[in-house]
Amino acid sequence: MVKKSVEVLSRHIQRLTAAFQYFFKSESSSSLLLLACAVLAMLLANSPWSGNYEGLLHHYISCGFLSMSLLHWINDGLMALFFFVIGMEIKREFLFGELKTPSAMALPVAAAIGGMVVPALLYTLFNWGRPSISGWGIPMATDIAFSLGILAIVAKKVPRGVAVFLTALAIVDDLGGILVIALFYSSELHLTALAAGAVIFIVLQVCCRRKVTAAGVYILLGLSLWYAFLQGGIHPTIAGVLLGFSIPAGNGDGDDSLLDKMEHILTPWSAYIVMPVFALGNAGIMLDAGSLTGMASPIGLGIIAGLFLGKPMGIFGAVYGMYRFGLVTLPKGARLAQFFGAAILGGIGFTMSLFIASLAFTDAASLMTAKMSIVCASLLSGAAGAVLFTILGRQKGNV
């Protein structure tokens, strides 16, 4: 009986480890494609075809009774799939993963909160009393694909606990970003549409509790919820998150559940299609004197200071404080310096930061400045984190 229990436990551990390794590898490889698409977008924006590029993004496409520009279809429609996958990832982590117990949650949750609050405060300091204060949510985000991708490339021998910490932190960070979008970056609310959305969400919860496993039911209800939010004034990508929360996770470790199957099917689509297309549509930055000098504006300084300085300060400050006060212990083989490196990589805010910037600013000049500053801060954070992990990989020590 004891032997059988040990074998079952061993299988569960192997499955969790394999799932984490698959996720880690997919994020690291997708980050290369994401980078290539971002570079391509910048090349197009600064090429003789820039007019065609902008014209295509703002070309209106009709689908049934909806007509939106291609860029809006990407940001409001296609990104809903990205947020749907995030919703499922968050649910899995809280039910079966690294955020399952309060003790496991303590360090990444505290670090994520610190990594959101400090950057927002720094941005606010630069933009207090200005209309650009609306961009305070931009430097709060961490791009999980780029941060894990760089970690996988330059720190292959980093203790698994550090990689798990950065993954859990980014997932909690995504949840915080979702709440910020829902609460502070929604337009004028229309109660009738929102009431319809609330009814649809209740139906989703009933289906989840009754363990309905027909994927078509959730897809149909999810599309209806997306449309209700679009008409109701709440950003429709939030519907993707709520749908992800509503997918049945099963019992035990969640293997063979609808959540597990849909996540494995859709994660590659999100990583290799949705995010690269989003980068193609949103990373087209004009590299001229205006965009470069814009980084010295309150918007630019606030974003760069928030991501490059505020993120490591907030994340590592929380880690160091909890460790020194004996509230947590570091994972086996991990050093504080490695957590500082992870905190620096947390300043890569590319995907979610660009997304929030598109919601925060409606004028082209402010949005272009925000995009340029996000790219600059992300490059600085990625380079600094890579250098630190390279140095740490060549030395031994307890710090």
Protein backbone atom coordinates (compact mmCIF):
# COMPACT_ATOMS: atom_id res chain seq x y z
CA MET A 1 0.00 0.00 0.00
CA VAL A 2 2.80 2.42 0.95
CA LYS A 3 4.77 1.47 -2.16
CA LYS A 4 1.74 2.12 -4.36
CA SER A 5 1.18 5.53 -2.75
CA VAL A 6 4.84 6.45 -3.33
CA GLU A 7 4.55 5.41 -6.98
CA VAL A 8 1.40 7.53 -7.45
CA LEU A 9 3.08 10.53 -5.78
CA SER A 10 6.16 10.05 -7.95
CA ARG A 11 4.03 10.03 -11.12
CA HIS A 12 2.30 13.25 -10.05
CA ILE A 13 5.65 14.96 -9.38
CA GLN A 14 6.98 13.82 -12.78
CA ARG A 15 3.88 15.16 -14.52
CA LEU A 16 4.15 18.54 -12.78
CA THR A 17 7.87 18.74 -13.60
CA ALA A 18 7.26 17.78 -17.24
CA ALA A 19 4.45 20.32 -17.52
CA PHE A 20 6.69 23.07 -16.13
CA GLN A 21 9.56 22.13 -18.46
CA TYR A 22 7.19 22.15 -21.47
CA PHE A 23 5.84 25.55 -20.46
CA PHE A 24 9.34 26.93 -19.87
CA LYS A 25 10.62 25.70 -23.24
CA SER A 26 7.58 26.95 -25.15
CA GLU A 27 7.90 30.40 -23.58
CA SER A 28 11.63 30.60 -24.38
CA SER A 29 11.17 29.58 -28.01
CA SER A 30 8.13 31.80 -28.55
CA SER A 31 10.10 34.77 -27.22
CA LEU A 32 12.45 34.50 -30.21
CA LEU A 33 9.51 34.63 -32.64
CA LEU A 34 7.99 37.50 -30.66
CA LEU A 35 11.26 39.42 -30.89
CA ALA A 36 11.50 38.77 -34.63
CA CYS A 37 7.97 40.10 -35.19
CA ALA A 38 8.67 43.18 -33.07
CA VAL A 39 11.80 43.92 -35.11
CA LEU A 40 9.86 43.35 -38.35
CA ALA A 41 7.15 45.78 -37.20
CA MET A 42 9.78 48.46 -36.52
CA LEU A 43 11.41 47.86 -39.89
CA LEU A 44 8.06 48.18 -41.66
CA ALA A 45 7.22 51.38 -39.75
CA ASN A 46 10.50 52.93 -40.87
CA SER A 47 10.51 51.64 -44.44
CA PRO A 48 9.08 52.99 -47.71
CA TRP A 49 6.11 50.69 -47.04
CA SER A 50 5.20 52.42 -43.75
CA GLY A 51 2.10 53.96 -45.33
CA ASN A 52 0.89 50.54 -46.50
CA TYR A 53 1.65 49.10 -43.05
CA GLU A 54 -0.39 51.78 -41.25
CA GLY A 55 -3.14 51.62 -43.86
CA LEU A 56 -3.50 47.87 -43.38
CA LEU A 57 -3.69 48.18 -39.60
CA HIS A 58 -6.43 50.81 -39.85
CA HIS A 59 -8.36 49.06 -42.62
CA TYR A 60 -11.88 48.22 -41.45
CA ILE A 61 -13.00 44.59 -41.59
CA SER A 62 -16.61 43.53 -41.16
CA CYS A 63 -17.60 40.27 -39.52
CA GLY A 64 -21.35 39.84 -39.31
CA PHE A 65 -22.76 42.94 -37.64
CA LEU A 66 -19.36 44.04 -36.28
CA SER A 67 -16.99 46.34 -38.15
CA MET A 68 -13.60 47.26 -36.66
CA SER A 69 -10.12 48.13 -37.89
CA LEU A 70 -7.63 45.29 -38.22
CA LEU A 71 -5.71 46.68 -35.23
CA HIS A 72 -8.89 46.61 -33.12
CA TRP A 73 -9.62 43.04 -34.21
CA ILE A 74 -6.11 42.13 -33.04
CA ASN A 75 -6.25 44.03 -29.72
CA ASP A 76 -9.89 43.40 -28.83
CA GLY A 77 -10.52 40.08 -30.55
CA LEU A 78 -7.38 38.04 -31.07
CA MET A 79 -5.93 39.08 -27.72
CA ALA A 80 -8.99 37.62 -26.02
CA LEU A 81 -7.50 34.21 -26.86
CA PHE A 82 -4.23 35.28 -25.21
CA PHE A 83 -6.14 36.31 -22.08
CA PHE A 84 -8.18 33.10 -22.21
CA VAL A 85 -4.95 31.10 -21.98
CA ILE A 86 -3.74 33.35 -19.15
CA GLY A 87 -7.01 32.72 -17.29
CA MET A 88 -6.54 28.96 -17.58
CA GLU A 89 -2.88 29.22 -16.49
CA ILE A 90 -3.84 31.25 -13.43
CA LYS A 91 -6.57 28.76 -12.47
CA ARG A 92 -4.22 25.79 -12.89
CA GLU A 93 -1.48 27.41 -10.82
CA PHE A 94 -3.86 28.20 -7.96
CA LEU A 95 -5.45 24.73 -7.99
CA PHE A 96 -2.53 22.41 -8.74
CA GLY A 97 0.65 24.40 -9.29
CA GLU A 98 3.13 26.66 -7.55
CA LEU A 99 0.39 28.88 -6.04
CA LYS A 100 -1.62 26.05 -4.51
CA THR A 101 -0.71 26.63 -0.85
CA PRO A 102 -0.40 29.87 1.15
CA SER A 103 3.27 29.16 1.87
CA ALA A 104 4.04 28.65 -1.82
CA MET A 105 2.09 31.77 -2.74
CA ALA A 106 3.74 34.06 -0.20
CA LEU A 107 6.99 34.90 -2.00
CA PRO A 108 5.80 35.34 -5.63
CA VAL A 109 2.62 37.16 -4.57
CA ALA A 110 4.51 39.61 -2.33
CA ALA A 111 7.15 40.12 -5.04
CA ALA A 112 4.49 40.67 -7.71
CA ILE A 113 2.69 43.25 -5.55
CA GLY A 114 5.95 45.07 -4.90
CA GLY A 115 6.75 44.86 -8.59
CA MET A 116 3.44 46.52 -9.47
CA VAL A 117 3.20 49.17 -6.75
CA VAL A 118 6.72 50.65 -6.96
CA PRO A 119 6.73 51.12 -10.79
CA ALA A 120 3.26 52.70 -10.67
CA LEU A 121 4.44 55.12 -7.97
CA LEU A 122 7.57 56.06 -9.91
CA TYR A 123 5.53 56.74 -13.05
CA THR A 124 3.09 58.81 -10.99
CA LEU A 125 5.93 60.92 -9.59
CA PHE A 126 6.99 61.90 -13.12
CA ASN A 127 3.44 62.56 -14.35
CA TRP A 128 1.61 63.97 -11.32
CA GLY A 129 -0.91 66.63 -12.32
CA ARG A 130 -0.60 65.87 -16.05
CA PRO A 131 -3.09 64.17 -18.41
CA SER A 132 -0.42 61.51 -18.99
CA ILE A 133 -1.06 60.22 -15.45
CA SER A 134 -3.45 57.79 -17.18
CA GLY A 135 -0.42 55.67 -18.14
CA TRP A 136 0.40 54.66 -14.56
CA GLY A 137 -0.52 51.04 -15.27
CA ILE A 138 1.97 50.64 -18.13
CA PRO A 139 5.15 49.85 -16.12
CA MET A 140 3.34 47.40 -13.82
CA ALA A 141 3.52 44.52 -16.30
CA THR A 142 6.05 41.69 -16.76
CA ASP A 143 6.32 39.88 -20.11
CA ILE A 144 6.47 36.20 -19.24
CA ALA A 145 7.68 35.09 -22.68
CA PHE A 146 10.70 37.40 -22.88
CA SER A 147 11.69 37.12 -19.21
CA LEU A 148 11.62 33.31 -19.19
CA GLY A 149 13.17 33.19 -22.65
CA ILE A 150 16.23 35.16 -21.55
CA LEU A 151 16.45 33.14 -18.33
CA ALA A 152 16.44 29.91 -20.35
CA ILE A 153 19.15 31.18 -22.70
CA VAL A 154 21.63 32.78 -20.29
CA ALA A 155 20.95 30.87 -17.08
CA LYS A 156 20.54 27.25 -18.09
CA LYS A 157 21.92 26.01 -14.75
CA VAL A 158 19.86 28.33 -12.57
CA PRO A 159 18.09 26.43 -9.75
CA ARG A 160 14.60 25.37 -10.78
CA GLY A 161 13.19 27.31 -7.81
CA VAL A 162 14.30 30.63 -9.36
CA ALA A 163 12.62 29.82 -12.68
CA VAL A 164 9.48 28.69 -10.85
CA PHE A 165 9.52 31.93 -8.83
CA LEU A 166 9.76 34.07 -11.98
CA THR A 167 6.97 32.07 -13.65
CA ALA A 168 4.65 32.36 -10.63
CA LEU A 169 5.50 36.05 -10.23
CA ALA A 170 4.65 36.73 -13.89
CA ILE A 171 1.34 34.87 -13.56
CA VAL A 172 0.35 36.85 -10.45
CA ASP A 173 1.54 39.97 -12.28
CA ASP A 174 -0.76 39.08 -15.19
CA LEU A 175 -3.66 38.73 -12.75
CA GLY A 176 -2.87 42.17 -11.34
CA GLY A 177 -2.71 43.61 -14.85
CA ILE A 178 -6.08 42.07 -15.68
CA LEU A 179 -7.64 43.68 -12.60
CA VAL A 180 -6.10 47.06 -13.50
CA ILE A 181 -7.50 46.83 -17.04
CA ALA A 182 -10.95 45.82 -15.80
CA LEU A 183 -11.16 48.49 -13.11
CA PHE A 184 -9.32 51.48 -14.57
CA TYR A 185 -9.13 51.11 -18.35
CA SER A 186 -12.74 50.49 -19.23
CA SER A 187 -14.84 52.97 -21.18
CA GLU A 188 -18.35 54.27 -20.49
CA LEU A 189 -20.40 51.44 -19.02
CA HIS A 190 -23.72 50.22 -20.49
CA LEU A 191 -25.66 48.40 -17.80
CA THR A 192 -27.95 46.36 -20.06
CA ALA A 193 -25.04 44.73 -21.90
CA LEU A 194 -23.16 44.21 -18.63
CA ALA A 195 -26.23 42.58 -17.07
CA ALA A 196 -26.36 40.19 -20.03
CA GLY A 197 -22.65 39.49 -19.51
CA ALA A 198 -23.26 38.76 -15.82
CA VAL A 199 -25.99 36.24 -16.71
CA ILE A 200 -23.68 34.54 -19.22
CA PHE A 201 -20.90 34.33 -16.63
CA ILE A 202 -23.30 32.74 -14.12
CA VAL A 203 -24.28 30.16 -16.74
CA LEU A 204 -20.58 29.45 -17.29
CA GLN A 205 -20.11 28.86 -13.57
CA VAL A 206 -23.09 26.49 -13.48
CA CYS A 207 -21.62 24.54 -16.40
CA CYS A 208 -18.26 24.38 -14.62
CA ARG A 209 -19.78 23.16 -11.35
CA ARG A 210 -21.83 20.54 -13.18
CA LYS A 211 -18.62 19.49 -14.95
CA VAL A 212 -19.96 20.02 -18.46
CA THR A 213 -17.12 18.88 -20.74
CA ALA A 214 -18.47 19.92 -24.15
CA ALA A 215 -15.92 22.48 -25.36
CA GLY A 216 -18.45 23.92 -27.84
CA VAL A 217 -20.68 25.07 -24.98
CA TYR A 218 -17.88 27.13 -23.44
CA ILE A 219 -16.78 28.53 -26.80
CA LEU A 220 -20.33 29.70 -27.60
CA LEU A 221 -20.84 31.20 -24.15
CA GLY A 222 -17.37 32.76 -24.27
CA LEU A 223 -18.07 34.49 -27.59
CA SER A 224 -21.37 35.77 -26.17
CA LEU A 225 -19.58 37.08 -23.08
CA TRP A 226 -16.95 38.76 -25.28
CA TYR A 227 -19.64 40.56 -27.28
CA ALA A 228 -21.53 41.60 -24.13
CA PHE A 229 -18.37 43.14 -22.66
CA LEU A 230 -17.52 44.82 -25.97
CA GLN A 231 -20.93 46.50 -25.95
CA GLY A 232 -20.92 47.05 -22.19
CA GLY A 233 -17.77 49.17 -21.94
CA ILE A 234 -15.51 46.64 -20.18
CA HIS A 235 -12.54 45.68 -22.31
CA PRO A 236 -13.62 42.48 -24.10
CA THR A 237 -10.34 40.66 -23.41
CA ILE A 238 -11.52 40.36 -19.79
CA ALA A 239 -14.14 37.95 -21.12
CA GLY A 240 -11.27 35.66 -22.14
CA VAL A 241 -9.92 35.65 -18.59
CA LEU A 242 -13.33 34.91 -17.06
CA LEU A 243 -13.87 32.12 -19.58
CA GLY A 244 -10.50 30.64 -18.60
CA PHE A 245 -11.55 30.70 -14.94
CA SER A 246 -14.76 28.84 -15.91
CA ILE A 247 -13.23 25.81 -17.64
CA PRO A 248 -13.61 22.64 -15.48
CA ALA A 249 -10.29 21.58 -13.96
CA GLY A 250 -11.33 18.13 -12.76
CA ASN A 251 -9.98 16.54 -9.61
CA GLY A 252 -6.52 15.49 -8.47
CA ASP A 253 -3.78 17.18 -10.46
CA GLY A 254 -6.04 18.28 -13.32
CA ASP A 255 -4.66 15.81 -15.87
CA ASP A 256 -7.09 14.84 -18.65
CA SER A 257 -9.52 17.56 -17.61
CA LEU A 258 -11.07 19.97 -20.11
CA LEU A 259 -8.82 22.70 -18.66
CA ASP A 260 -5.72 20.59 -19.27
CA LYS A 261 -6.75 19.66 -22.83
CA MET A 262 -7.76 23.18 -23.88
CA GLU A 263 -4.63 24.72 -22.37
CA HIS A 264 -2.36 22.30 -24.21
CA ILE A 265 -4.19 22.91 -27.48
CA LEU A 266 -4.39 26.71 -27.24
CA THR A 267 -1.06 27.61 -25.59
CA PRO A 268 0.94 27.11 -28.83
CA TRP A 269 -1.64 29.17 -30.76
CA SER A 270 -1.33 31.95 -28.20
CA ALA A 271 2.48 31.80 -28.08
CA TYR A 272 3.23 31.35 -31.76
CA ILE A 273 0.38 33.20 -33.48
CA VAL A 274 -1.51 35.61 -31.22
CA MET A 275 1.47 37.24 -29.50
CA PRO A 276 3.59 37.57 -32.67
CA VAL A 277 0.61 39.07 -34.57
CA PHE A 278 0.06 41.46 -31.66
CA ALA A 279 3.73 42.49 -31.86
CA LEU A 280 3.43 43.03 -35.62
CA GLY A 281 0.45 45.30 -35.06
CA ASN A 282 1.65 47.23 -32.02
CA ALA A 283 5.45 47.43 -32.12
CA GLY A 284 5.70 49.57 -35.24
CA ILE A 285 7.64 52.53 -33.85
CA MET A 286 8.89 55.41 -35.97
CA LEU A 287 12.57 55.87 -35.12
CA ASP A 288 12.94 59.59 -35.68
CA ALA A 289 14.12 62.55 -33.61
CA GLY A 290 10.64 63.05 -32.15
CA SER A 291 10.26 59.51 -30.84
CA LEU A 292 13.78 59.49 -29.40
CA THR A 293 13.44 62.84 -27.64
CA GLY A 294 10.02 61.73 -26.38
CA MET A 295 11.75 59.33 -24.03
CA ALA A 296 12.94 62.36 -22.06
CA SER A 297 9.34 63.45 -21.51
CA PRO A 298 7.43 62.64 -18.30
CA ILE A 299 5.77 59.69 -20.06
CA GLY A 300 9.09 58.28 -21.26
CA LEU A 301 10.94 58.84 -18.01
CA GLY A 302 8.07 57.43 -15.98
CA ILE A 303 7.92 54.22 -18.02
CA ILE A 304 11.68 53.69 -18.17
CA ALA A 305 12.12 54.42 -14.47
CA GLY A 306 9.14 52.24 -13.61
CA LEU A 307 10.22 49.18 -15.59
CA PHE A 308 14.02 49.36 -15.37
CA LEU A 309 14.31 50.66 -11.79
CA GLY A 310 10.92 50.23 -10.14
CA LYS A 311 10.42 46.58 -11.06
CA PRO A 312 13.69 45.31 -9.53
CA MET A 313 13.25 47.58 -6.50
CA GLY A 314 9.74 46.32 -5.82
CA ILE A 315 10.33 42.64 -6.59
CA PHE A 316 13.69 42.19 -4.90
CA GLY A 317 12.72 44.48 -2.04
CA ALA A 318 9.85 42.13 -1.20
CA VAL A 319 12.04 39.02 -1.56
CA TYR A 320 14.87 40.43 0.56
CA GLY A 321 12.52 41.70 3.26
CA MET A 322 10.64 38.40 3.59
CA TYR A 323 13.89 36.43 3.62
CA ARG A 324 15.64 38.62 6.21
CA PHE A 325 12.62 38.59 8.52
CA GLY A 326 12.47 34.80 8.32
CA LEU A 327 9.06 34.71 6.64
CA VAL A 328 10.27 32.51 3.78
CA THR A 329 13.23 30.30 2.92
CA LEU A 330 14.97 30.33 -0.44
CA PRO A 331 14.63 27.26 -2.68
CA LYS A 332 17.42 24.70 -2.45
CA GLY A 333 20.59 25.93 -4.16
CA ALA A 334 19.18 29.38 -4.87
CA ARG A 335 20.98 32.61 -3.95
CA LEU A 336 19.68 36.11 -3.31
CA ALA A 337 21.71 37.40 -6.24
CA GLN A 338 19.79 35.08 -8.56
CA PHE A 339 16.51 36.48 -7.29
CA PHE A 340 17.86 39.97 -7.98
CA GLY A 341 18.58 38.84 -11.54
CA ALA A 342 15.03 37.53 -11.84
CA ALA A 343 13.76 40.86 -10.49
CA ILE A 344 15.66 42.72 -13.20
CA LEU A 345 14.16 40.45 -15.87
CA GLY A 346 10.77 41.34 -14.38
CA GLY A 347 11.32 44.80 -15.90
CA ILE A 348 10.70 43.37 -19.38
CA GLY A 349 7.14 44.55 -19.85
CA PHE A 350 6.73 44.22 -23.59
CA THR A 351 3.40 42.54 -24.45
CA MET A 352 1.18 43.56 -21.55
CA SER A 353 2.76 47.02 -21.28
CA LEU A 354 2.11 47.71 -24.96
CA PHE A 355 -1.44 46.50 -24.51
CA ILE A 356 -2.10 48.78 -21.52
CA ALA A 357 -0.44 51.69 -23.37
CA SER A 358 -2.95 51.26 -26.22
CA LEU A 359 -5.74 51.63 -23.65
CA ALA A 360 -4.16 54.49 -21.70
CA PHE A 361 -3.40 56.86 -24.59
CA THR A 362 -5.65 57.84 -27.46
CA ASP A 363 -3.36 60.45 -29.05
CA ALA A 364 -0.72 59.12 -31.45
CA ALA A 365 2.20 61.13 -30.02
CA SER A 366 1.77 59.89 -26.43
CA LEU A 367 1.22 56.32 -27.58
CA MET A 368 4.34 56.38 -29.76
CA THR A 369 6.38 57.78 -26.85
CA ALA A 370 5.02 55.07 -24.56
CA LYS A 371 5.85 52.33 -27.08
CA MET A 372 9.39 53.60 -27.60
CA SER A 373 9.96 53.83 -23.85
CA ILE A 374 8.58 50.33 -23.25
CA VAL A 375 10.92 48.87 -25.85
CA CYS A 376 13.90 50.82 -24.44
CA ALA A 377 13.19 49.81 -20.83
CA SER A 378 12.61 46.19 -21.83
CA LEU A 379 15.91 46.09 -23.74
CA LEU A 380 17.75 47.60 -20.77
CA SER A 381 16.15 45.14 -18.34
CA GLY A 382 16.81 42.15 -20.59
CA ALA A 383 20.45 43.13 -21.17
CA ALA A 384 21.12 43.87 -17.50
CA GLY A 385 19.50 40.62 -16.39
CA ALA A 386 21.43 38.62 -18.98
CA VAL A 387 24.74 40.18 -17.92
CA LEU A 388 24.08 39.53 -14.23
CA PHE A 389 23.13 35.87 -14.77
CA THR A 390 26.20 35.40 -17.00
CA ILE A 391 28.43 36.74 -14.21
CA LEU A 392 26.68 34.64 -11.59
CA GLY A 393 27.10 31.55 -13.75
CA ARG A 394 30.88 31.97 -13.59
CA GLN A 395 31.15 32.30 -9.85
CA LYS A 396 30.14 30.46 -6.74
CA GLY A 397 28.93 31.85 -3.47
CA ASN A 398 26.12 32.15 -1.00
CA VAL A 399 24.97 35.68 -1.80
